C-alpha atoms as a PDB file:
ATOM      1  CA  MET A   1       0.000   0.000   0.000  1.00  0.00           C
ATOM      2  CA  PHE A   2       1.138   3.538  -0.697  1.00  0.00           C
ATOM      3  CA  ASP A   3      -0.201   7.084  -0.436  1.00  0.00           C
ATOM      4  CA  ALA A   4      -1.525   8.889  -3.509  1.00  0.00           C
ATOM      5  CA  LEU A   5      -3.502  12.033  -4.196  1.00  0.00           C
ATOM      6  CA  LEU A   6      -6.531  10.720  -6.057  1.00  0.00           C
ATOM      7  CA  LEU A   7      -8.857  12.941  -8.068  1.00  0.00           C
ATOM      8  CA  THR A   8     -12.464  11.920  -8.570  1.00  0.00           C
ATOM      9  CA  GLN A   9     -15.381  13.781 -10.120  1.00  0.00           C
ATOM     10  CA  LYS A  10     -19.069  13.851  -9.268  1.00  0.00           C
ATOM     11  CA  GLU A  11     -21.598  16.072 -11.015  1.00  0.00           C
ATOM     12  CA  LYS A  12     -18.736  17.972 -12.666  1.00  0.00           C
ATOM     13  CA  VAL A  13     -17.139  18.805  -9.288  1.00  0.00           C
ATOM     14  CA  THR A  14     -13.560  17.570  -8.776  1.00  0.00           C
ATOM     15  CA  PHE A  15     -12.554  16.111  -5.404  1.00  0.00           C
ATOM     16  CA  ALA A  16      -8.938  15.591  -4.280  1.00  0.00           C
ATOM     17  CA  GLU A  17      -8.139  13.192  -1.417  1.00  0.00           C
ATOM     18  CA  VAL A  18      -5.057  11.350  -0.187  1.00  0.00           C
ATOM     19  CA  LYS A  19      -5.844   7.641  -0.531  1.00  0.00           C
ATOM     20  CA  GLN A  20      -4.067   4.337   0.071  1.00  0.00           C
ATOM     21  CA  LEU A  21      -3.561   2.419  -3.180  1.00  0.00           C
ATOM     22  CA  ASN A  22      -2.023  -0.890  -4.260  1.00  0.00           C
ATOM     23  CA  GLU A  23       0.501  -1.431  -7.063  1.00  0.00           C
ATOM     24  CA  ALA A  24      -2.239  -3.376  -8.856  1.00  0.00           C
ATOM     25  CA  ASP A  25      -4.230  -0.123  -9.088  1.00  0.00           C
ATOM     26  CA  LEU A  26      -1.535   1.540 -11.203  1.00  0.00           C
ATOM     27  CA  PRO A  27      -1.961   1.856 -14.975  1.00  0.00           C
ATOM     28  CA  GLU A  28       0.062  -0.093 -17.514  1.00  0.00           C
ATOM     29  CA  GLY A  29       3.729   0.667 -18.141  1.00  0.00           C
ATOM     30  CA  ASN A  30       7.059  -1.110 -18.361  1.00  0.00           C
ATOM     31  CA  VAL A  31       8.901   0.713 -15.546  1.00  0.00           C
ATOM     32  CA  LEU A  32       7.826   1.012 -11.894  1.00  0.00           C
ATOM     33  CA  ILE A  33       9.216   3.979  -9.966  1.00  0.00           C
ATOM     34  CA  ASP A  34       9.502   4.718  -6.263  1.00  0.00           C
ATOM     35  CA  VAL A  35       8.649   8.424  -6.422  1.00  0.00           C
ATOM     36  CA  GLU A  36      10.672  10.657  -4.104  1.00  0.00           C
ATOM     37  CA  TYR A  37       9.469  14.116  -5.158  1.00  0.00           C
ATOM     38  CA  SER A  38       6.925  15.721  -7.446  1.00  0.00           C
ATOM     39  CA  SER A  39       6.119  19.395  -7.901  1.00  0.00           C
ATOM     40  CA  LEU A  40       3.058  21.592  -8.219  1.00  0.00           C
ATOM     41  CA  ASN A  41       2.669  23.348 -11.568  1.00  0.00           C
ATOM     42  CA  TYR A  42      -0.026  25.674 -12.876  1.00  0.00           C
ATOM     43  CA  LYS A  43      -1.478  22.858 -14.975  1.00  0.00           C
ATOM     44  CA  ASP A  44      -1.633  20.659 -11.856  1.00  0.00           C
ATOM     45  CA  GLY A  45      -3.522  23.442 -10.110  1.00  0.00           C
ATOM     46  CA  LEU A  46      -6.090  23.550 -12.910  1.00  0.00           C
ATOM     47  CA  ALA A  47      -6.484  19.769 -12.783  1.00  0.00           C
ATOM     48  CA  ILE A  48      -6.778  19.463  -8.997  1.00  0.00           C
ATOM     49  CA  THR A  49      -9.240  22.325  -8.594  1.00  0.00           C
ATOM     50  CA  GLY A  50     -11.221  21.359 -11.690  1.00  0.00           C
ATOM     51  CA  THR A  51     -10.788  24.908 -12.972  1.00  0.00           C
ATOM     52  CA  GLY A  52      -9.588  23.760 -16.381  1.00  0.00           C
ATOM     53  CA  ARG A  53     -10.635  20.699 -18.371  1.00  0.00           C
ATOM     54  CA  ILE A  54      -7.219  19.126 -17.938  1.00  0.00           C
ATOM     55  CA  ILE A  55      -8.504  15.684 -16.904  1.00  0.00           C
ATOM     56  CA  ARG A  56     -11.306  13.939 -18.767  1.00  0.00           C
ATOM     57  CA  GLN A  57     -11.045  10.446 -17.309  1.00  0.00           C
ATOM     58  CA  PHE A  58     -11.384   9.771 -13.578  1.00  0.00           C
ATOM     59  CA  PRO A  59     -10.068   8.625 -11.176  1.00  0.00           C
ATOM     60  CA  MET A  60      -6.687  10.238 -11.823  1.00  0.00           C
ATOM     61  CA  VAL A  61      -3.474  10.782  -9.886  1.00  0.00           C
ATOM     62  CA  PRO A  62      -2.268  14.288 -10.815  1.00  0.00           C
ATOM     63  CA  GLY A  63       1.322  15.473 -11.055  1.00  0.00           C
ATOM     64  CA  ILE A  64       2.824  16.269 -14.457  1.00  0.00           C
ATOM     65  CA  ASP A  65       6.356  15.568 -13.251  1.00  0.00           C
ATOM     66  CA  PHE A  66       8.261  13.476 -10.718  1.00  0.00           C
ATOM     67  CA  ALA A  67      11.696  12.104  -9.849  1.00  0.00           C
ATOM     68  CA  GLY A  68      12.549   8.840  -8.190  1.00  0.00           C
ATOM     69  CA  VAL A  69      14.233   5.434  -8.314  1.00  0.00           C
ATOM     70  CA  VAL A  70      13.460   2.485 -10.580  1.00  0.00           C
ATOM     71  CA  CYS A  71      12.224  -0.520  -8.572  1.00  0.00           C
ATOM     72  CA  GLU A  72      11.088  -2.709 -11.511  1.00  0.00           C
ATOM     73  CA  SER A  73      11.905  -2.503 -15.216  1.00  0.00           C
ATOM     74  CA  ALA A  74      11.051  -4.498 -18.314  1.00  0.00           C
ATOM     75  CA  ASP A  75      13.042  -2.104 -20.510  1.00  0.00           C
ATOM     76  CA  PRO A  76      16.795  -2.666 -21.072  1.00  0.00           C
ATOM     77  CA  ARG A  77      17.554   1.072 -20.863  1.00  0.00           C
ATOM     78  CA  TYR A  78      16.644   1.237 -17.154  1.00  0.00           C
ATOM     79  CA  HIS A  79      17.596  -0.998 -14.247  1.00  0.00           C
ATOM     80  CA  VAL A  80      16.604  -1.335 -10.596  1.00  0.00           C
ATOM     81  CA  GLY A  81      18.265   1.452  -8.644  1.00  0.00           C
ATOM     82  CA  ASP A  82      18.502   3.926 -11.546  1.00  0.00           C
ATOM     83  CA  HIS A  83      17.530   7.490 -10.681  1.00  0.00           C
ATOM     84  CA  VAL A  84      15.173   9.020 -13.241  1.00  0.00           C
ATOM     85  CA  ILE A  85      13.069  12.089 -14.053  1.00  0.00           C
ATOM     86  CA  LEU A  86       9.735  12.300 -15.837  1.00  0.00           C
ATOM     87  CA  THR A  87       8.070  15.442 -17.167  1.00  0.00           C
ATOM     88  CA  GLY A  88       5.250  15.765 -19.675  1.00  0.00           C
ATOM     89  CA  TRP A  89       3.888  13.078 -22.030  1.00  0.00           C
ATOM     90  CA  GLY A  90       0.376  13.509 -20.644  1.00  0.00           C
ATOM     91  CA  VAL A  91       1.338  12.096 -17.248  1.00  0.00           C
ATOM     92  CA  GLY A  92      -0.976  13.536 -14.599  1.00  0.00           C
ATOM     93  CA  GLU A  93      -3.523  14.251 -17.344  1.00  0.00           C
ATOM     94  CA  THR A  94      -4.238  11.066 -19.303  1.00  0.00           C
ATOM     95  CA  HIS A  95      -1.918   8.710 -17.372  1.00  0.00           C
ATOM     96  CA  TRP A  96      -1.553   8.577 -13.578  1.00  0.00           C
ATOM     97  CA  GLY A  97       1.110  11.023 -12.463  1.00  0.00           C
ATOM     98  CA  GLY A  98       3.668  11.889  -9.847  1.00  0.00           C
ATOM     99  CA  MET A  99       1.628  12.755  -6.760  1.00  0.00           C
ATOM    100  CA  ALA A 100       1.873   9.226  -5.422  1.00  0.00           C
ATOM    101  CA  LYS A 101       4.596   7.192  -3.767  1.00  0.00           C
ATOM    102  CA  LYS A 102       4.707   4.880  -6.793  1.00  0.00           C
ATOM    103  CA  ALA A 103       4.225   5.381 -10.538  1.00  0.00           C
ATOM    104  CA  ARG A 104       4.171   2.925 -13.435  1.00  0.00           C
ATOM    105  CA  VAL A 105       5.079   4.539 -16.772  1.00  0.00           C
ATOM    106  CA  ASN A 106       6.461   4.002 -20.259  1.00  0.00           C
ATOM    107  CA  ALA A 107      10.270   3.966 -20.359  1.00  0.00           C
ATOM    108  CA  ASP A 108      10.210   6.280 -23.409  1.00  0.00           C
ATOM    109  CA  TRP A 109       9.002   9.075 -21.138  1.00  0.00           C
ATOM    110  CA  LEU A 110      11.946   8.904 -18.727  1.00  0.00           C
ATOM    111  CA  VAL A 111      15.219  10.808 -18.612  1.00  0.00           C
ATOM    112  CA  PRO A 112      18.235   9.528 -16.626  1.00  0.00           C
ATOM    113  CA  MET A 113      19.130  11.754 -13.684  1.00  0.00           C
ATOM    114  CA  PRO A 114      21.855  14.151 -14.880  1.00  0.00           C
ATOM    115  CA  HIS A 115      25.224  14.193 -13.156  1.00  0.00           C
ATOM    116  CA  GLY A 116      25.227  16.532 -10.175  1.00  0.00           C
ATOM    117  CA  CYS A 117      21.475  16.310  -9.670  1.00  0.00           C
ATOM    118  CA  ASP A 118      19.169  14.479  -7.257  1.00  0.00           C
ATOM    119  CA  ALA A 119      15.412  13.989  -7.009  1.00  0.00           C
ATOM    120  CA  ALA A 120      14.774  17.076  -4.856  1.00  0.00           C
ATOM    121  CA  LYS A 121      16.832  19.363  -7.063  1.00  0.00           C
ATOM    122  CA  ALA A 122      15.256  17.870 -10.197  1.00  0.00           C
ATOM    123  CA  MET A 123      11.775  18.761  -8.956  1.00  0.00           C
ATOM    124  CA  MET A 124      12.848  22.230  -7.839  1.00  0.00           C
ATOM    125  CA  ILE A 125      13.487  22.591 -11.575  1.00  0.00           C
ATOM    126  CA  GLY A 126      10.715  20.317 -12.863  1.00  0.00           C
ATOM    127  CA  THR A 127       8.527  20.925 -15.887  1.00  0.00           C
ATOM    128  CA  ALA A 128       8.743  24.678 -15.327  1.00  0.00           C
ATOM    129  CA  GLY A 129      12.533  24.715 -15.288  1.00  0.00           C
ATOM    130  CA  LEU A 130      12.809  22.444 -18.307  1.00  0.00           C
ATOM    131  CA  THR A 131      10.435  24.743 -20.182  1.00  0.00           C
ATOM    132  CA  ALA A 132      12.454  27.804 -19.169  1.00  0.00           C
ATOM    133  CA  MET A 133      15.664  26.148 -20.361  1.00  0.00           C
ATOM    134  CA  LEU A 134      14.089  25.263 -23.709  1.00  0.00           C
ATOM    135  CA  CYS A 135      13.037  28.914 -24.048  1.00  0.00           C
ATOM    136  CA  VAL A 136      16.537  30.196 -23.308  1.00  0.00           C
ATOM    137  CA  GLN A 137      18.043  27.705 -25.754  1.00  0.00           C
ATOM    138  CA  ALA A 138      15.561  28.795 -28.444  1.00  0.00           C
ATOM    139  CA  LEU A 139      16.484  32.467 -27.977  1.00  0.00           C
ATOM    140  CA  GLU A 140      20.186  31.721 -28.140  1.00  0.00           C
ATOM    141  CA  GLU A 141      19.843  29.404 -31.137  1.00  0.00           C
ATOM    142  CA  ALA A 142      18.080  32.310 -32.877  1.00  0.00           C
ATOM    143  CA  GLY A 143      21.132  34.490 -32.250  1.00  0.00           C
ATOM    144  CA  LEU A 144      20.319  36.322 -29.008  1.00  0.00           C
ATOM    145  CA  ARG A 145      23.356  37.408 -26.996  1.00  0.00           C
ATOM    146  CA  PRO A 146      23.688  39.616 -23.883  1.00  0.00           C
ATOM    147  CA  GLN A 147      25.140  42.469 -25.927  1.00  0.00           C
ATOM    148  CA  ASN A 148      21.983  42.621 -28.082  1.00  0.00           C
ATOM    149  CA  GLY A 149      19.960  44.312 -25.353  1.00  0.00           C
ATOM    150  CA  GLU A 150      17.319  43.737 -22.706  1.00  0.00           C
ATOM    151  CA  VAL A 151      15.322  40.548 -22.317  1.00  0.00           C
ATOM    152  CA  LEU A 152      11.768  40.631 -20.954  1.00  0.00           C
ATOM    153  CA  VAL A 153      10.335  37.750 -18.924  1.00  0.00           C
ATOM    154  CA  THR A 154       6.555  37.853 -18.438  1.00  0.00           C
ATOM    155  CA  GLY A 155       4.862  36.024 -15.592  1.00  0.00           C
ATOM    156  CA  ALA A 156       8.238  36.314 -13.897  1.00  0.00           C
ATOM    157  CA  SER A 157       6.999  35.342 -10.427  1.00  0.00           C
ATOM    158  CA  GLY A 158       5.750  31.937 -11.580  1.00  0.00           C
ATOM    159  CA  GLY A 159       7.630  28.670 -11.954  1.00  0.00           C
ATOM    160  CA  VAL A 160       8.791  29.101 -15.567  1.00  0.00           C
ATOM    161  CA  GLY A 161       9.359  32.817 -15.141  1.00  0.00           C
ATOM    162  CA  SER A 162      11.474  32.569 -12.002  1.00  0.00           C
ATOM    163  CA  VAL A 163      13.771  29.963 -13.575  1.00  0.00           C
ATOM    164  CA  ALA A 164      13.989  31.975 -16.803  1.00  0.00           C
ATOM    165  CA  VAL A 165      14.971  35.154 -14.915  1.00  0.00           C
ATOM    166  CA  THR A 166      17.683  33.221 -13.061  1.00  0.00           C
ATOM    167  CA  LEU A 167      19.093  31.484 -16.152  1.00  0.00           C
ATOM    168  CA  LEU A 168      19.206  34.671 -18.210  1.00  0.00           C
ATOM    169  CA  ALA A 169      20.705  36.838 -15.470  1.00  0.00           C
ATOM    170  CA  ASN A 170      23.318  34.200 -14.684  1.00  0.00           C
ATOM    171  CA  ALA A 171      24.295  34.174 -18.388  1.00  0.00           C
ATOM    172  CA  GLY A 172      24.899  37.938 -18.374  1.00  0.00           C
ATOM    173  CA  TYR A 173      21.646  39.268 -19.842  1.00  0.00           C
ATOM    174  CA  ARG A 174      19.948  42.392 -18.509  1.00  0.00           C
ATOM    175  CA  VAL A 175      16.605  40.929 -17.468  1.00  0.00           C
ATOM    176  CA  VAL A 176      13.387  42.889 -16.992  1.00  0.00           C
ATOM    177  CA  ALA A 177      10.817  40.926 -14.983  1.00  0.00           C
ATOM    178  CA  CYS A 178       7.124  41.577 -15.628  1.00  0.00           C
ATOM    179  CA  THR A 179       4.790  40.399 -12.865  1.00  0.00           C
ATOM    180  CA  GLY A 180       1.304  41.035 -11.570  1.00  0.00           C
ATOM    181  CA  ARG A 181       2.701  40.992  -8.038  1.00  0.00           C
ATOM    182  CA  ALA A 182       5.462  43.545  -8.332  1.00  0.00           C
ATOM    183  CA  ASN A 183       5.124  44.842  -4.779  1.00  0.00           C
ATOM    184  CA  GLN A 184       5.204  41.402  -3.145  1.00  0.00           C
ATOM    185  CA  ASN A 185       7.894  39.804  -5.309  1.00  0.00           C
ATOM    186  CA  ALA A 186      10.285  42.578  -6.247  1.00  0.00           C
ATOM    187  CA  LEU A 187      12.867  41.507  -3.667  1.00  0.00           C
ATOM    188  CA  LEU A 188      12.806  37.855  -4.745  1.00  0.00           C
ATOM    189  CA  LEU A 189      13.077  38.743  -8.433  1.00  0.00           C
ATOM    190  CA  LYS A 190      15.984  41.072  -7.704  1.00  0.00           C
ATOM    191  CA  ASP A 191      17.667  38.254  -5.757  1.00  0.00           C
ATOM    192  CA  LEU A 192      17.197  35.976  -8.770  1.00  0.00           C
ATOM    193  CA  GLY A 193      18.932  38.530 -10.979  1.00  0.00           C
ATOM    194  CA  ALA A 194      16.271  40.824 -12.445  1.00  0.00           C
ATOM    195  CA  ALA A 195      17.666  44.285 -13.186  1.00  0.00           C
ATOM    196  CA  GLU A 196      14.218  45.891 -13.323  1.00  0.00           C
ATOM    197  CA  ILE A 197      10.672  44.971 -12.274  1.00  0.00           C
ATOM    198  CA  MET A 198       7.639  46.037 -14.319  1.00  0.00           C
ATOM    199  CA  ASP A 199       3.984  45.750 -13.363  1.00  0.00           C
ATOM    200  CA  ARG A 200       1.811  43.576 -15.587  1.00  0.00           C
ATOM    201  CA  MET A 201      -0.701  46.429 -15.852  1.00  0.00           C
ATOM    202  CA  ASP A 202       1.826  48.268 -18.056  1.00  0.00           C
ATOM    203  CA  PHE A 203       1.361  45.540 -20.675  1.00  0.00           C
ATOM    204  CA  GLU A 204      -2.392  44.992 -20.508  1.00  0.00           C
ATOM    205  CA  GLU A 205      -3.495  48.062 -22.440  1.00  0.00           C
ATOM    206  CA  GLU A 206      -4.179  47.482 -26.126  1.00  0.00           C
ATOM    207  CA  ALA A 207      -0.974  47.375 -28.154  1.00  0.00           C
ATOM    208  CA  LYS A 208      -0.401  49.531 -31.199  1.00  0.00           C
ATOM    209  CA  PRO A 209       0.782  47.637 -34.287  1.00  0.00           C
ATOM    210  CA  LEU A 210       4.308  48.907 -33.577  1.00  0.00           C
ATOM    211  CA  GLU A 211       5.658  50.721 -30.524  1.00  0.00           C
ATOM    212  CA  THR A 212       9.054  52.025 -29.438  1.00  0.00           C
ATOM    213  CA  GLN A 213      11.682  49.324 -29.867  1.00  0.00           C
ATOM    214  CA  ARG A 214      13.025  47.968 -26.586  1.00  0.00           C
ATOM    215  CA  TRP A 215      13.336  44.169 -26.250  1.00  0.00           C
ATOM    216  CA  ALA A 216      16.059  42.087 -27.877  1.00  0.00           C
ATOM    217  CA  GLY A 217      14.380  38.966 -26.541  1.00  0.00           C
ATOM    218  CA  VAL A 218      11.288  37.886 -24.649  1.00  0.00           C
ATOM    219  CA  ILE A 219      10.255  34.761 -22.756  1.00  0.00           C
ATOM    220  CA  ASP A 220       6.475  34.911 -22.499  1.00  0.00           C
ATOM    221  CA  THR A 221       4.481  32.657 -20.174  1.00  0.00           C
ATOM    222  CA  VAL A 222       1.225  34.636 -20.307  1.00  0.00           C
ATOM    223  CA  GLY A 223       0.025  35.153 -23.906  1.00  0.00           C
ATOM    224  CA  ASN A 224      -2.878  37.373 -24.983  1.00  0.00           C
ATOM    225  CA  LYS A 225      -2.494  41.165 -24.598  1.00  0.00           C
ATOM    226  CA  ILE A 226       0.833  40.923 -22.793  1.00  0.00           C
ATOM    227  CA  LEU A 227       2.448  38.957 -25.609  1.00  0.00           C
ATOM    228  CA  ALA A 228       0.904  41.311 -28.168  1.00  0.00           C
ATOM    229  CA  LYS A 229       2.371  44.317 -26.342  1.00  0.00           C
ATOM    230  CA  ALA A 230       5.800  42.720 -26.122  1.00  0.00           C
ATOM    231  CA  LEU A 231       5.758  41.905 -29.848  1.00  0.00           C
ATOM    232  CA  ALA A 232       4.974  45.536 -30.683  1.00  0.00           C
ATOM    233  CA  GLN A 233       8.008  46.642 -28.639  1.00  0.00           C
ATOM    234  CA  MET A 234      10.556  44.239 -30.122  1.00  0.00           C
ATOM    235  CA  GLN A 235      13.848  45.438 -31.512  1.00  0.00           C
ATOM    236  CA  TYR A 236      14.657  44.776 -35.155  1.00  0.00           C
ATOM    237  CA  ASN A 237      15.422  41.025 -35.521  1.00  0.00           C
ATOM    238  CA  GLY A 238      14.282  40.421 -31.938  1.00  0.00           C
ATOM    239  CA  VAL A 239      13.174  36.971 -30.878  1.00  0.00           C
ATOM    240  CA  VAL A 240      10.300  35.793 -28.643  1.00  0.00           C
ATOM    241  CA  ALA A 241       9.874  32.361 -27.054  1.00  0.00           C
ATOM    242  CA  ALA A 242       6.219  31.761 -26.118  1.00  0.00           C
ATOM    243  CA  CYS A 243       5.427  28.900 -23.759  1.00  0.00           C
ATOM    244  CA  GLY A 244       2.270  29.736 -21.798  1.00  0.00           C
ATOM    245  CA  LEU A 245      -1.282  31.038 -21.821  1.00  0.00           C
ATOM    246  CA  ALA A 246      -1.967  32.022 -18.221  1.00  0.00           C
ATOM    247  CA  GLY A 247      -3.512  35.230 -19.579  1.00  0.00           C
ATOM    248  CA  GLY A 248      -5.531  33.491 -22.293  1.00  0.00           C
ATOM    249  CA  PHE A 249      -4.921  31.815 -25.639  1.00  0.00           C
ATOM    250  CA  SER A 250      -5.796  34.798 -27.862  1.00  0.00           C
ATOM    251  CA  LEU A 251      -3.125  36.897 -29.557  1.00  0.00           C
ATOM    252  CA  PRO A 252      -4.506  40.313 -30.544  1.00  0.00           C
ATOM    253  CA  THR A 253      -1.621  41.456 -32.724  1.00  0.00           C
ATOM    254  CA  THR A 254      -0.794  42.255 -36.348  1.00  0.00           C
ATOM    255  CA  VAL A 255       1.793  41.050 -38.835  1.00  0.00           C
ATOM    256  CA  MET A 256       3.668  44.363 -38.517  1.00  0.00           C
ATOM    257  CA  PRO A 257       6.371  43.250 -36.031  1.00  0.00           C
ATOM    258  CA  PHE A 258       7.154  40.239 -38.202  1.00  0.00           C
ATOM    259  CA  ILE A 259       7.293  41.847 -41.649  1.00  0.00           C
ATOM    260  CA  LEU A 260       8.685  45.286 -40.714  1.00  0.00           C
ATOM    261  CA  ARG A 261      11.099  44.370 -37.909  1.00  0.00           C
ATOM    262  CA  GLY A 262      11.902  40.760 -38.725  1.00  0.00           C
ATOM    263  CA  VAL A 263      10.708  39.582 -35.314  1.00  0.00           C
ATOM    264  CA  LYS A 264      10.752  35.833 -34.700  1.00  0.00           C
ATOM    265  CA  LEU A 265       8.046  34.165 -32.568  1.00  0.00           C
ATOM    266  CA  ILE A 266       9.022  30.660 -31.476  1.00  0.00           C
ATOM    267  CA  GLY A 267       6.588  28.291 -29.782  1.00  0.00           C
ATOM    268  CA  ILE A 268       7.991  26.138 -26.976  1.00  0.00           C
ATOM    269  CA  ASP A 269       6.462  22.775 -26.047  1.00  0.00           C
ATOM    270  CA  SER A 270       7.979  20.747 -23.229  1.00  0.00           C
ATOM    271  CA  VAL A 271       5.227  18.118 -23.021  1.00  0.00           C
ATOM    272  CA  PHE A 272       6.142  16.080 -26.111  1.00  0.00           C
ATOM    273  CA  CYS A 273       9.676  17.387 -26.518  1.00  0.00           C
ATOM    274  CA  PRO A 274      11.727  14.455 -27.927  1.00  0.00           C
ATOM    275  CA  PHE A 275      14.387  12.703 -25.840  1.00  0.00           C
ATOM    276  CA  SER A 276      17.125  13.956 -28.192  1.00  0.00           C
ATOM    277  CA  LYS A 277      16.297  17.527 -27.169  1.00  0.00           C
ATOM    278  CA  ARG A 278      14.982  16.869 -23.672  1.00  0.00           C
ATOM    279  CA  LYS A 279      18.107  15.177 -22.266  1.00  0.00           C
ATOM    280  CA  PRO A 280      20.537  17.965 -23.325  1.00  0.00           C
ATOM    281  CA  ALA A 281      18.132  20.573 -21.934  1.00  0.00           C
ATOM    282  CA  TRP A 282      18.116  18.818 -18.561  1.00  0.00           C
ATOM    283  CA  GLU A 283      21.901  18.637 -18.548  1.00  0.00           C
ATOM    284  CA  ALA A 284      22.113  22.328 -19.487  1.00  0.00           C
ATOM    285  CA  VAL A 285      19.712  23.572 -16.813  1.00  0.00           C
ATOM    286  CA  ILE A 286      21.610  21.664 -14.112  1.00  0.00           C
ATOM    287  CA  LYS A 287      24.857  23.292 -15.207  1.00  0.00           C
ATOM    288  CA  ARG A 288      23.463  26.799 -15.664  1.00  0.00           C
ATOM    289  CA  LEU A 289      21.233  27.281 -12.623  1.00  0.00           C
ATOM    290  CA  PRO A 290      23.203  28.814  -9.725  1.00  0.00           C
ATOM    291  CA  GLU A 291      22.855  27.449  -6.198  1.00  0.00           C
ATOM    292  CA  HIS A 292      21.111  30.572  -4.924  1.00  0.00           C
ATOM    293  CA  TYR A 293      18.094  29.708  -7.084  1.00  0.00           C
ATOM    294  CA  TYR A 294      17.372  26.576  -5.046  1.00  0.00           C
ATOM    295  CA  GLN A 295      17.633  28.527  -1.805  1.00  0.00           C
ATOM    296  CA  ASN A 296      15.485  31.487  -2.866  1.00  0.00           C
ATOM    297  CA  ALA A 297      12.796  30.308  -5.266  1.00  0.00           C
ATOM    298  CA  CYS A 298      11.495  27.002  -3.888  1.00  0.00           C
ATOM    299  CA  GLN A 299       9.224  25.841  -1.063  1.00  0.00           C
ATOM    300  CA  LEU A 300       8.518  22.315   0.204  1.00  0.00           C
ATOM    301  CA  ILE A 301       5.041  20.914   0.946  1.00  0.00           C
ATOM    302  CA  THR A 302       3.545  17.516   1.757  1.00  0.00           C
ATOM    303  CA  LEU A 303       1.021  15.553  -0.285  1.00  0.00           C
ATOM    304  CA  SER A 304      -1.826  16.550   2.060  1.00  0.00           C
ATOM    305  CA  GLU A 305      -1.043  20.239   1.469  1.00  0.00           C
ATOM    306  CA  VAL A 306      -1.308  19.981  -2.313  1.00  0.00           C
ATOM    307  CA  PRO A 307      -5.062  20.758  -2.677  1.00  0.00           C
ATOM    308  CA  SER A 308      -4.799  24.057  -0.783  1.00  0.00           C
ATOM    309  CA  PHE A 309      -1.691  25.075  -2.722  1.00  0.00           C
ATOM    310  CA  ALA A 310      -3.418  24.093  -5.982  1.00  0.00           C
ATOM    311  CA  ASP A 311      -6.113  26.640  -5.229  1.00  0.00           C
ATOM    312  CA  LYS A 312      -3.464  29.275  -4.504  1.00  0.00           C
ATOM    313  CA  ILE A 313      -1.468  28.621  -7.688  1.00  0.00           C
ATOM    314  CA  VAL A 314      -4.583  28.977  -9.855  1.00  0.00           C
ATOM    315  CA  LYS A 315      -5.341  32.300  -8.144  1.00  0.00           C
ATOM    316  CA  GLY A 316      -1.809  33.571  -8.795  1.00  0.00           C
ATOM    317  CA  GLN A 317      -0.843  33.472  -5.113  1.00  0.00           C
ATOM    318  CA  VAL A 318       2.191  31.188  -5.405  1.00  0.00           C
ATOM    319  CA  THR A 319       5.678  32.477  -6.128  1.00  0.00           C
ATOM    320  CA  GLY A 320       8.453  30.342  -7.600  1.00  0.00           C
ATOM    321  CA  ARG A 321       8.475  26.552  -7.457  1.00  0.00           C
ATOM    322  CA  VAL A 322       6.559  24.257  -5.093  1.00  0.00           C
ATOM    323  CA  LEU A 323       8.279  20.961  -4.291  1.00  0.00           C
ATOM    324  CA  VAL A 324       6.075  18.039  -3.145  1.00  0.00           C
ATOM    325  CA  SER A 325       7.709  15.479  -0.885  1.00  0.00           C
ATOM    326  CA  LEU A 326       6.478  11.903  -1.211  1.00  0.00           C
END
């Protein structure tokens, strides 16, 4: 028997309770993992609270990422005792996820634990950190360098945003952090390396087709009006990595930034990112994140605390990363 956070639904209302389950209850898969840590992401919050239609088949164990140790394997790539990470692939949405002491999954979804990392550190990074690293890599592959100018990070107080601010600042970029909680989180964002804090309200007014050029690069986790505003303010040949829709999935913009300033808009997906790209990104984020990130931007909770924190993360009341101990 082992503890798991189990989601059920009755009359379209989602209920989250810690239950005792058996290994026989787990879904199919060729690797069984003893889960050590998971983390709470915005998508988890939507699933657990029932705010978004993330889960369509119940019961479900949420948790879109986890790290742990292999205890059974029918795949030659992984052996008992191997330390592994899983993020994405629909886990916690269509396949039981990481908020349980055990998980049975497909070996194709796993990544070996990078050198210098452990389960706790891996989940302090988690899906959010992997996504942030993929964004930074996309900007740099498109030619962005610190000498090109300022880089804007929207939703900077969240999981992806806080890692992105840290990675960029540590690489020598001048980072401007945009957040809806500027007063509460200015000190943390400064500690993570932000050179300037901007209030989200400055970006929510309707954007003109083109505005004064400012940003050499942008990592956007919000979408909608904020992304449109950032696009209108891009420098010539600037590059934007878009990875989220916390502000909505619309994009009220024009083609002007793209055809008159040569702006590049790159979409970032970490859910189905292939192993060939995923593994190097994990190795890169471990190398590039400084130790002060782990001390400043993470908090630890237990499985029983997850439902209350899920409500907070959906309401925008959680800063940085939330680590879940199993």
